[in-house]
Amino acid sequence: MAQFKLRFANQARADLAELARNPADAKRLRAVQKALGLLERNPRHPGLQTHEYSLLSGPAGEKVFEAYAENRTPAAFRIFFYYTATKGEIMIVTVTPHP
């Protein structure tokens, strides 16, 4: 059962669409989808290794967090998000490979 509702910024939607378009990224897409499911249920799930990302902030100054969709992988994908003013809602900002 979902404890949080996920909303997606336009950039996050574009990131996911780009992943879905490329058949070579099917494994990465599954990893991102799994991480989004974990995020929906428990943003503090140990597998996500969620932590604050101080280089970004939300539009109203919200703290932005980074969650791992992949680990120990070159250019591993990360999910950046913040908690919205609406209780129980998370805004996914972007889904991107980590340099």
PDB file of N, CA and C in Angstrom:
ATOM      1  N   MET A   1       0.837  -1.181   0.000  1.00  0.00           N
ATOM      2  CA  MET A   1       0.000   0.000   0.000  1.00  0.00           C
ATOM      3  C   MET A   1       0.883   1.245   0.000  1.00  0.00           C
ATOM      4  N   ALA A   2       0.571   2.166  -0.881  1.00  0.00           N
ATOM      5  CA  ALA A   2       1.360   3.391  -1.004  1.00  0.00           C
ATOM      6  C   ALA A   2       1.091   4.319   0.174  1.00  0.00           C
ATOM      7  N   GLN A   3       2.158   4.834   0.749  1.00  0.00           N
ATOM      8  CA  GLN A   3       2.022   5.813   1.819  1.00  0.00           C
ATOM      9  C   GLN A   3       2.211   7.223   1.279  1.00  0.00           C
ATOM     10  N   PHE A   4       2.872   7.337   0.128  1.00  0.00           N
ATOM     11  CA  PHE A   4       3.122   8.628  -0.492  1.00  0.00           C
ATOM     12  C   PHE A   4       2.612   8.616  -1.923  1.00  0.00           C
ATOM     13  N   LYS A   5       2.121   9.750  -2.350  1.00  0.00           N
ATOM     14  CA  LYS A   5       1.720   9.908  -3.743  1.00  0.00           C
ATOM     15  C   LYS A   5       2.880  10.572  -4.467  1.00  0.00           C
ATOM     16  N   LEU A   6       3.287   9.993  -5.587  1.00  0.00           N
ATOM     17  CA  LEU A   6       4.373  10.560  -6.367  1.00  0.00           C
ATOM     18  C   LEU A   6       3.810  11.459  -7.458  1.00  0.00           C
ATOM     19  N   ARG A   7       4.353  12.655  -7.566  1.00  0.00           N
ATOM     20  CA  ARG A   7       4.056  13.571  -8.664  1.00  0.00           C
ATOM     21  C   ARG A   7       5.357  13.747  -9.434  1.00  0.00           C
ATOM     22  N   PHE A   8       5.255  13.999 -10.716  1.00  0.00           N
ATOM     23  CA  PHE A   8       6.448  14.082 -11.556  1.00  0.00           C
ATOM     24  C   PHE A   8       6.538  15.438 -12.236  1.00  0.00           C
ATOM     25  N   ALA A   9       7.671  16.108 -12.052  1.00  0.00           N
ATOM     26  CA  ALA A   9       7.936  17.355 -12.770  1.00  0.00           C
ATOM     27  C   ALA A   9       8.123  17.012 -14.244  1.00  0.00           C
ATOM     28  N   ASN A  10       7.982  17.987 -15.102  1.00  0.00           N
ATOM     29  CA  ASN A  10       8.138  17.761 -16.539  1.00  0.00           C
ATOM     30  C   ASN A  10       9.484  17.122 -16.867  1.00  0.00           C
ATOM     31  N   GLN A  11      10.538  17.571 -16.202  1.00  0.00           N
ATOM     32  CA  GLN A  11      11.863  16.997 -16.454  1.00  0.00           C
ATOM     33  C   GLN A  11      11.894  15.511 -16.097  1.00  0.00           C
ATOM     34  N   ALA A  12      11.304  15.140 -14.989  1.00  0.00           N
ATOM     35  CA  ALA A  12      11.275  13.735 -14.576  1.00  0.00           C
ATOM     36  C   ALA A  12      10.482  12.899 -15.583  1.00  0.00           C
ATOM     37  N   ARG A  13       9.373  13.426 -16.069  1.00  0.00           N
ATOM     38  CA  ARG A  13       8.589  12.719 -17.090  1.00  0.00           C
ATOM     39  C   ARG A  13       9.420  12.498 -18.347  1.00  0.00           C
ATOM     40  N   ALA A  14      10.143  13.544 -18.765  1.00  0.00           N
ATOM     41  CA  ALA A  14      10.997  13.437 -19.951  1.00  0.00           C
ATOM     42  C   ALA A  14      12.120  12.426 -19.727  1.00  0.00           C
ATOM     43  N   ASP A  15      12.694  12.419 -18.535  1.00  0.00           N
ATOM     44  CA  ASP A  15      13.764  11.462 -18.212  1.00  0.00           C
ATOM     45  C   ASP A  15      13.267  10.029 -18.316  1.00  0.00           C
ATOM     46  N   LEU A  16      12.085   9.775 -17.754  1.00  0.00           N
ATOM     47  CA  LEU A  16      11.523   8.420 -17.792  1.00  0.00           C
ATOM     48  C   LEU A  16      11.145   8.017 -19.214  1.00  0.00           C
ATOM     49  N   ALA A  17      10.607   8.949 -19.978  1.00  0.00           N
ATOM     50  CA  ALA A  17      10.253   8.658 -21.369  1.00  0.00           C
ATOM     51  C   ALA A  17      11.505   8.312 -22.177  1.00  0.00           C
ATOM     52  N   GLU A  18      12.582   9.026 -21.939  1.00  0.00           N
ATOM     53  CA  GLU A  18      13.841   8.752 -22.643  1.00  0.00           C
ATOM     54  C   GLU A  18      14.372   7.365 -22.286  1.00  0.00           C
ATOM     55  N   LEU A  19      14.299   7.008 -21.024  1.00  0.00           N
ATOM     56  CA  LEU A  19      14.717   5.663 -20.605  1.00  0.00           C
ATOM     57  C   LEU A  19      13.863   4.597 -21.274  1.00  0.00           C
ATOM     58  N   ALA A  20      12.569   4.826 -21.331  1.00  0.00           N
ATOM     59  CA  ALA A  20      11.646   3.845 -21.903  1.00  0.00           C
ATOM     60  C   ALA A  20      11.829   3.689 -23.411  1.00  0.00           C
ATOM     61  N   ARG A  21      12.281   4.731 -24.080  1.00  0.00           N
ATOM     62  CA  ARG A  21      12.468   4.692 -25.539  1.00  0.00           C
ATOM     63  C   ARG A  21      13.611   3.797 -25.979  1.00  0.00           C
ATOM     64  N   ASN A  22      14.611   3.657 -25.154  1.00  0.00           N
ATOM     65  CA  ASN A  22      15.819   2.939 -25.547  1.00  0.00           C
ATOM     66  C   ASN A  22      15.791   1.506 -25.004  1.00  0.00           C
ATOM     67  N   PRO A  23      15.640   0.503 -25.873  1.00  0.00           N
ATOM     68  CA  PRO A  23      15.601  -0.891 -25.414  1.00  0.00           C
ATOM     69  C   PRO A  23      16.861  -1.306 -24.648  1.00  0.00           C
ATOM     70  N   ALA A  24      17.983  -0.662 -24.935  1.00  0.00           N
ATOM     71  CA  ALA A  24      19.224  -0.993 -24.227  1.00  0.00           C
ATOM     72  C   ALA A  24      19.166  -0.581 -22.756  1.00  0.00           C
ATOM     73  N   ASP A  25      18.240   0.316 -22.422  1.00  0.00           N
ATOM     74  CA  ASP A  25      18.096   0.792 -21.046  1.00  0.00           C
ATOM     75  C   ASP A  25      16.995   0.064 -20.271  1.00  0.00           C
ATOM     76  N   ALA A  26      16.516  -1.053 -20.782  1.00  0.00           N
ATOM     77  CA  ALA A  26      15.401  -1.764 -20.129  1.00  0.00           C
ATOM     78  C   ALA A  26      15.736  -2.142 -18.691  1.00  0.00           C
ATOM     79  N   LYS A  27      16.953  -2.604 -18.457  1.00  0.00           N
ATOM     80  CA  LYS A  27      17.360  -3.003 -17.104  1.00  0.00           C
ATOM     81  C   LYS A  27      17.387  -1.778 -16.181  1.00  0.00           C
ATOM     82  N   ARG A  28      17.892  -0.680 -16.701  1.00  0.00           N
ATOM     83  CA  ARG A  28      17.937   0.557 -15.898  1.00  0.00           C
ATOM     84  C   ARG A  28      16.529   1.052 -15.609  1.00  0.00           C
ATOM     85  N   LEU A  29      15.640   0.982 -16.590  1.00  0.00           N
ATOM     86  CA  LEU A  29      14.260   1.410 -16.390  1.00  0.00           C
ATOM     87  C   LEU A  29      13.604   0.587 -15.281  1.00  0.00           C
ATOM     88  N   ARG A  30      13.824  -0.720 -15.292  1.00  0.00           N
ATOM     89  CA  ARG A  30      13.265  -1.570 -14.227  1.00  0.00           C
ATOM     90  C   ARG A  30      13.817  -1.165 -12.864  1.00  0.00           C
ATOM     91  N   ALA A  31      15.108  -0.845 -12.791  1.00  0.00           N
ATOM     92  CA  ALA A  31      15.719  -0.423 -11.526  1.00  0.00           C
ATOM     93  C   ALA A  31      15.098   0.886 -11.040  1.00  0.00           C
ATOM     94  N   VAL A  32      14.869   1.811 -11.960  1.00  0.00           N
ATOM     95  CA  VAL A  32      14.254   3.095 -11.607  1.00  0.00           C
ATOM     96  C   VAL A  32      12.817   2.869 -11.152  1.00  0.00           C
ATOM     97  N   GLN A  33      12.073   2.026 -11.856  1.00  0.00           N
ATOM     98  CA  GLN A  33      10.685   1.745 -11.469  1.00  0.00           C
ATOM     99  C   GLN A  33      10.622   1.094 -10.089  1.00  0.00           C
ATOM    100  N   LYS A  34      11.548   0.191  -9.823  1.00  0.00           N
ATOM    101  CA  LYS A  34      11.598  -0.451  -8.501  1.00  0.00           C
ATOM    102  C   LYS A  34      11.882   0.594  -7.427  1.00  0.00           C
ATOM    103  N   ALA A  35      12.844   1.473  -7.690  1.00  0.00           N
ATOM    104  CA  ALA A  35      13.184   2.513  -6.721  1.00  0.00           C
ATOM    105  C   ALA A  35      12.011   3.458  -6.490  1.00  0.00           C
ATOM    106  N   LEU A  36      11.273   3.803  -7.539  1.00  0.00           N
ATOM    107  CA  LEU A  36      10.096   4.658  -7.380  1.00  0.00           C
ATOM    108  C   LEU A  36       9.044   3.967  -6.518  1.00  0.00           C
ATOM    109  N   GLY A  37       8.883   2.661  -6.690  1.00  0.00           N
ATOM    110  CA  GLY A  37       7.952   1.906  -5.852  1.00  0.00           C
ATOM    111  C   GLY A  37       8.361   1.922  -4.393  1.00  0.00           C
ATOM    112  N   LEU A  38       9.655   1.766  -4.144  1.00  0.00           N
ATOM    113  CA  LEU A  38      10.154   1.838  -2.766  1.00  0.00           C
ATOM    114  C   LEU A  38       9.953   3.237  -2.195  1.00  0.00           C
ATOM    115  N   LEU A  39      10.217   4.243  -3.010  1.00  0.00           N
ATOM    116  CA  LEU A  39      10.062   5.633  -2.587  1.00  0.00           C
ATOM    117  C   LEU A  39       8.611   5.925  -2.219  1.00  0.00           C
ATOM    118  N   GLU A  40       7.704   5.365  -2.988  1.00  0.00           N
ATOM    119  CA  GLU A  40       6.270   5.546  -2.746  1.00  0.00           C
ATOM    120  C   GLU A  40       5.853   4.936  -1.402  1.00  0.00           C
ATOM    121  N   ARG A  41       6.452   3.806  -1.076  1.00  0.00           N
ATOM    122  CA  ARG A  41       6.101   3.114   0.166  1.00  0.00           C
ATOM    123  C   ARG A  41       6.881   3.636   1.373  1.00  0.00           C
ATOM    124  N   ASN A  42       8.183   3.923   1.177  1.00  0.00           N
ATOM    125  CA  ASN A  42       9.022   4.325   2.298  1.00  0.00           C
ATOM    126  C   ASN A  42      10.263   5.054   1.782  1.00  0.00           C
ATOM    127  N   PRO A  43      10.244   6.379   1.754  1.00  0.00           N
ATOM    128  CA  PRO A  43      11.392   7.126   1.247  1.00  0.00           C
ATOM    129  C   PRO A  43      12.683   6.867   2.025  1.00  0.00           C
ATOM    130  N   ARG A  44      12.569   6.300   3.207  1.00  0.00           N
ATOM    131  CA  ARG A  44      13.759   6.009   4.013  1.00  0.00           C
ATOM    132  C   ARG A  44      14.203   4.546   3.900  1.00  0.00           C
ATOM    133  N   HIS A  45      13.675   3.855   2.921  1.00  0.00           N
ATOM    134  CA  HIS A  45      14.072   2.455   2.722  1.00  0.00           C
ATOM    135  C   HIS A  45      15.593   2.397   2.578  1.00  0.00           C
ATOM    136  N   PRO A  46      16.250   1.478   3.302  1.00  0.00           N
ATOM    137  CA  PRO A  46      17.715   1.432   3.266  1.00  0.00           C
ATOM    138  C   PRO A  46      18.303   1.225   1.867  1.00  0.00           C
ATOM    139  N   GLY A  47      17.602   0.527   0.996  1.00  0.00           N
ATOM    140  CA  GLY A  47      18.109   0.283  -0.351  1.00  0.00           C
ATOM    141  C   GLY A  47      18.186   1.539  -1.203  1.00  0.00           C
ATOM    142  N   LEU A  48      17.429   2.565  -0.830  1.00  0.00           N
ATOM    143  CA  LEU A  48      17.440   3.811  -1.586  1.00  0.00           C
ATOM    144  C   LEU A  48      18.606   4.727  -1.207  1.00  0.00           C
ATOM    145  N   GLN A  49      19.145   4.505  -0.018  1.00  0.00           N
ATOM    146  CA  GLN A  49      20.243   5.334   0.500  1.00  0.00           C
ATOM    147  C   GLN A  49      19.914   6.823   0.359  1.00  0.00           C
ATOM    148  N   THR A  50      18.702   7.178   0.708  1.00  0.00           N
ATOM    149  CA  THR A  50      18.218   8.555   0.577  1.00  0.00           C
ATOM    150  C   THR A  50      19.008   9.498   1.473  1.00  0.00           C
ATOM    151  N   HIS A  51      19.397  10.642   0.901  1.00  0.00           N
ATOM    152  CA  HIS A  51      20.076  11.673   1.673  1.00  0.00           C
ATOM    153  C   HIS A  51      19.811  13.042   1.046  1.00  0.00           C
ATOM    154  N   GLU A  52      19.970  14.080   1.849  1.00  0.00           N
ATOM    155  CA  GLU A  52      19.738  15.436   1.355  1.00  0.00           C
ATOM    156  C   GLU A  52      20.793  15.786   0.312  1.00  0.00           C
ATOM    157  N   TYR A  53      20.353  16.493  -0.705  1.00  0.00           N
ATOM    158  CA  TYR A  53      21.243  16.949  -1.778  1.00  0.00           C
ATOM    159  C   TYR A  53      21.240  18.476  -1.712  1.00  0.00           C
ATOM    160  N   SER A  54      22.260  19.031  -1.101  1.00  0.00           N
ATOM    161  CA  SER A  54      22.263  20.458  -0.769  1.00  0.00           C
ATOM    162  C   SER A  54      22.478  21.389  -1.958  1.00  0.00           C
ATOM    163  N   LEU A  55      22.853  20.869  -3.123  1.00  0.00           N
ATOM    164  CA  LEU A  55      23.096  21.729  -4.282  1.00  0.00           C
ATOM    165  C   LEU A  55      21.814  22.164  -4.987  1.00  0.00           C
ATOM    166  N   LEU A  56      20.696  21.541  -4.641  1.00  0.00           N
ATOM    167  CA  LEU A  56      19.405  21.885  -5.238  1.00  0.00           C
ATOM    168  C   LEU A  56      18.416  22.232  -4.140  1.00  0.00           C
ATOM    169  N   SER A  57      17.385  22.997  -4.513  1.00  0.00           N
ATOM    170  CA  SER A  57      16.266  23.214  -3.604  1.00  0.00           C
ATOM    171  C   SER A  57      14.994  23.291  -4.443  1.00  0.00           C
ATOM    172  N   GLY A  58      13.885  23.035  -3.815  1.00  0.00           N
ATOM    173  CA  GLY A  58      12.608  23.083  -4.504  1.00  0.00           C
ATOM    174  C   GLY A  58      12.214  24.520  -4.816  1.00  0.00           C
ATOM    175  N   PRO A  59      11.125  24.718  -5.547  1.00  0.00           N
ATOM    176  CA  PRO A  59      10.711  26.060  -5.963  1.00  0.00           C
ATOM    177  C   PRO A  59      10.394  26.996  -4.802  1.00  0.00           C
ATOM    178  N   ALA A  60       9.992  26.459  -3.668  1.00  0.00           N
ATOM    179  CA  ALA A  60       9.699  27.273  -2.494  1.00  0.00           C
ATOM    180  C   ALA A  60      10.761  27.075  -1.418  1.00  0.00           C
ATOM    181  N   GLY A  61      11.951  26.639  -1.849  1.00  0.00           N
ATOM    182  CA  GLY A  61      13.053  26.432  -0.914  1.00  0.00           C
ATOM    183  C   GLY A  61      13.045  25.082  -0.212  1.00  0.00           C
ATOM    184  N   GLU A  62      12.228  24.141  -0.684  1.00  0.00           N
ATOM    185  CA  GLU A  62      12.165  22.814  -0.063  1.00  0.00           C
ATOM    186  C   GLU A  62      13.524  22.107  -0.168  1.00  0.00           C
ATOM    187  N   LYS A  63      13.812  21.294   0.819  1.00  0.00           N
ATOM    188  CA  LYS A  63      15.019  20.468   0.758  1.00  0.00           C
ATOM    189  C   LYS A  63      14.832  19.407  -0.319  1.00  0.00           C
ATOM    190  N   VAL A  64      15.849  19.211  -1.136  1.00  0.00           N
ATOM    191  CA  VAL A  64      15.812  18.180  -2.173  1.00  0.00           C
ATOM    192  C   VAL A  64      16.634  16.997  -1.688  1.00  0.00           C
ATOM    193  N   PHE A  65      16.135  15.810  -1.972  1.00  0.00           N
ATOM    194  CA  PHE A  65      16.798  14.584  -1.566  1.00  0.00           C
ATOM    195  C   PHE A  65      17.193  13.767  -2.787  1.00  0.00           C
ATOM    196  N   GLU A  66      18.215  12.964  -2.616  1.00  0.00           N
ATOM    197  CA  GLU A  66      18.702  12.060  -3.658  1.00  0.00           C
ATOM    198  C   GLU A  66      18.470  10.633  -3.190  1.00  0.00           C
ATOM    199  N   ALA A  67      17.915   9.814  -4.060  1.00  0.00           N
ATOM    200  CA  ALA A  67      17.717   8.392  -3.768  1.00  0.00           C
ATOM    201  C   ALA A  67      18.390   7.588  -4.877  1.00  0.00           C
ATOM    202  N   TYR A  68      18.985   6.471  -4.513  1.00  0.00           N
ATOM    203  CA  TYR A  68      19.692   5.632  -5.478  1.00  0.00           C
ATOM    204  C   TYR A  68      18.717   4.683  -6.168  1.00  0.00           C
ATOM    205  N   ALA A  69      18.716   4.704  -7.498  1.00  0.00           N
ATOM    206  CA  ALA A  69      17.973   3.703  -8.258  1.00  0.00           C
ATOM    207  C   ALA A  69      18.904   2.551  -8.602  1.00  0.00           C
ATOM    208  N   GLU A  70      20.190   2.866  -8.697  1.00  0.00           N
ATOM    209  CA  GLU A  70      21.219   1.857  -8.967  1.00  0.00           C
ATOM    210  C   GLU A  70      22.400   2.149  -8.050  1.00  0.00           C
ATOM    211  N   ASN A  71      23.189   1.139  -7.849  1.00  0.00           N
ATOM    212  CA  ASN A  71      24.367   1.283  -7.011  1.00  0.00           C
ATOM    213  C   ASN A  71      25.493   0.453  -7.614  1.00  0.00           C
ATOM    214  N   ARG A  72      26.703   0.903  -7.413  1.00  0.00           N
ATOM    215  CA  ARG A  72      27.881   0.180  -7.913  1.00  0.00           C
ATOM    216  C   ARG A  72      27.796  -0.098  -9.416  1.00  0.00           C
ATOM    217  N   THR A  73      27.302   0.884 -10.154  1.00  0.00           N
ATOM    218  CA  THR A  73      27.143   0.790 -11.598  1.00  0.00           C
ATOM    219  C   THR A  73      27.686   2.075 -12.199  1.00  0.00           C
ATOM    220  N   PRO A  74      28.477   1.994 -13.263  1.00  0.00           N
ATOM    221  CA  PRO A  74      28.922   3.240 -13.896  1.00  0.00           C
ATOM    222  C   PRO A  74      27.717   4.072 -14.337  1.00  0.00           C
ATOM    223  N   ALA A  75      27.771   5.365 -14.058  1.00  0.00           N
ATOM    224  CA  ALA A  75      26.676   6.288 -14.379  1.00  0.00           C
ATOM    225  C   ALA A  75      25.351   5.794 -13.783  1.00  0.00           C
ATOM    226  N   ALA A  76      25.392   5.364 -12.538  1.00  0.00           N
ATOM    227  CA  ALA A  76      24.207   4.850 -11.853  1.00  0.00           C
ATOM    228  C   ALA A  76      23.123   5.915 -11.769  1.00  0.00           C
ATOM    229  N   PHE A  77      21.875   5.513 -11.950  1.00  0.00           N
ATOM    230  CA  PHE A  77      20.764   6.455 -11.937  1.00  0.00           C
ATOM    231  C   PHE A  77      20.382   6.850 -10.520  1.00  0.00           C
ATOM    232  N   ARG A  78      20.032   8.125 -10.387  1.00  0.00           N
ATOM    233  CA  ARG A  78      19.593   8.710  -9.125  1.00  0.00           C
ATOM    234  C   ARG A  78      18.246   9.389  -9.351  1.00  0.00           C
ATOM    235  N   ILE A  79      17.471   9.441  -8.293  1.00  0.00           N
ATOM    236  CA  ILE A  79      16.169  10.101  -8.315  1.00  0.00           C
ATOM    237  C   ILE A  79      16.253  11.281  -7.351  1.00  0.00           C
ATOM    238  N   PHE A  80      15.943  12.468  -7.840  1.00  0.00           N
ATOM    239  CA  PHE A  80      15.945  13.660  -7.007  1.00  0.00           C
ATOM    240  C   PHE A  80      14.504  14.063  -6.753  1.00  0.00           C
ATOM    241  N   PHE A  81      14.185  14.352  -5.479  1.00  0.00           N
ATOM    242  CA  PHE A  81      12.804  14.634  -5.106  1.00  0.00           C
ATOM    243  C   PHE A  81      12.743  15.560  -3.902  1.00  0.00           C
ATOM    244  N   TYR A  82      11.556  16.104  -3.671  1.00  0.00           N
ATOM    245  CA  TYR A  82      11.298  16.854  -2.446  1.00  0.00           C
ATOM    246  C   TYR A  82       9.871  16.559  -1.987  1.00  0.00           C
ATOM    247  N   TYR A  83       9.644  16.818  -0.707  1.00  0.00           N
ATOM    248  CA  TYR A  83       8.307  16.658  -0.135  1.00  0.00           C
ATOM    249  C   TYR A  83       7.525  17.933  -0.405  1.00  0.00           C
ATOM    250  N   THR A  84       6.331  17.814  -0.970  1.00  0.00           N
ATOM    251  CA  THR A  84       5.513  18.995  -1.275  1.00  0.00           C
ATOM    252  C   THR A  84       4.803  19.466  -0.002  1.00  0.00           C
ATOM    253  N   ALA A  85       4.135  20.616  -0.132  1.00  0.00           N
ATOM    254  CA  ALA A  85       3.375  21.156   0.994  1.00  0.00           C
ATOM    255  C   ALA A  85       2.156  20.294   1.304  1.00  0.00           C
ATOM    256  N   THR A  86       1.724  19.480   0.338  1.00  0.00           N
ATOM    257  CA  THR A  86       0.599  18.574   0.546  1.00  0.00           C
ATOM    258  C   THR A  86       1.093  17.334   1.287  1.00  0.00           C
ATOM    259  N   LYS A  87       0.506  17.066   2.424  1.00  0.00           N
ATOM    260  CA  LYS A  87       0.932  15.927   3.240  1.00  0.00           C
ATOM    261  C   LYS A  87       0.851  14.631   2.434  1.00  0.00           C
ATOM    262  N   GLY A  88       1.927  13.824   2.514  1.00  0.00           N
ATOM    263  CA  GLY A  88       1.932  12.528   1.856  1.00  0.00           C
ATOM    264  C   GLY A  88       2.232  12.593   0.368  1.00  0.00           C
ATOM    265  N   GLU A  89       2.794  13.707  -0.093  1.00  0.00           N
ATOM    266  CA  GLU A  89       3.066  13.852  -1.518  1.00  0.00           C
ATOM    267  C   GLU A  89       4.542  14.160  -1.752  1.00  0.00           C
ATOM    268  N   ILE A  90       5.113  13.497  -2.743  1.00  0.00           N
ATOM    269  CA  ILE A  90       6.514  13.675  -3.119  1.00  0.00           C
ATOM    270  C   ILE A  90       6.569  14.113  -4.579  1.00  0.00           C
ATOM    271  N   MET A  91       7.365  15.140  -4.846  1.00  0.00           N
ATOM    272  CA  MET A  91       7.580  15.617  -6.213  1.00  0.00           C
ATOM    273  C   MET A  91       8.914  15.063  -6.709  1.00  0.00           C
ATOM    274  N   ILE A  92       8.847  14.279  -7.785  1.00  0.00           N
ATOM    275  CA  ILE A  92      10.064  13.762  -8.415  1.00  0.00           C
ATOM    276  C   ILE A  92      10.545  14.850  -9.366  1.00  0.00           C
ATOM    277  N   VAL A  93      11.742  15.359  -9.131  1.00  0.00           N
ATOM    278  CA  VAL A  93      12.286  16.471  -9.914  1.00  0.00           C
ATOM    279  C   VAL A  93      12.942  15.958 -11.185  1.00  0.00           C
ATOM    280  N   THR A  94      13.809  14.974 -11.029  1.00  0.00           N
ATOM    281  CA  THR A  94      14.541  14.425 -12.177  1.00  0.00           C
ATOM    282  C   THR A  94      15.021  13.019 -11.854  1.00  0.00           C
ATOM    283  N   VAL A  95      15.233  12.248 -12.906  1.00  0.00           N
ATOM    284  CA  VAL A  95      15.807  10.906 -12.808  1.00  0.00           C
ATOM    285  C   VAL A  95      16.990  10.927 -13.766  1.00  0.00           C
ATOM    286  N   THR A  96      18.172  10.824 -13.220  1.00  0.00           N
ATOM    287  CA  THR A  96      19.350  11.071 -14.044  1.00  0.00           C
ATOM    288  C   THR A  96      20.524  10.192 -13.651  1.00  0.00           C
ATOM    289  N   PRO A  97      21.422   9.921 -14.588  1.00  0.00           N
ATOM    290  CA  PRO A  97      22.628   9.174 -14.240  1.00  0.00           C
ATOM    291  C   PRO A  97      23.565  10.051 -13.417  1.00  0.00           C
ATOM    292  N   HIS A  98      24.201   9.450 -12.466  1.00  0.00           N
ATOM    293  CA  HIS A  98      25.176  10.141 -11.636  1.00  0.00           C
ATOM    294  C   HIS A  98      26.503  10.145 -12.371  1.00  0.00           C
ATOM    295  N   PRO A  99      27.159  11.292 -12.440  1.00  0.00           N
ATOM    296  CA  PRO A  99      28.436  11.344 -13.189  1.00  0.00           C
ATOM    297  C   PRO A  99      29.510  10.453 -12.614  1.00  0.00           C
TER     298      PRO A  99
END
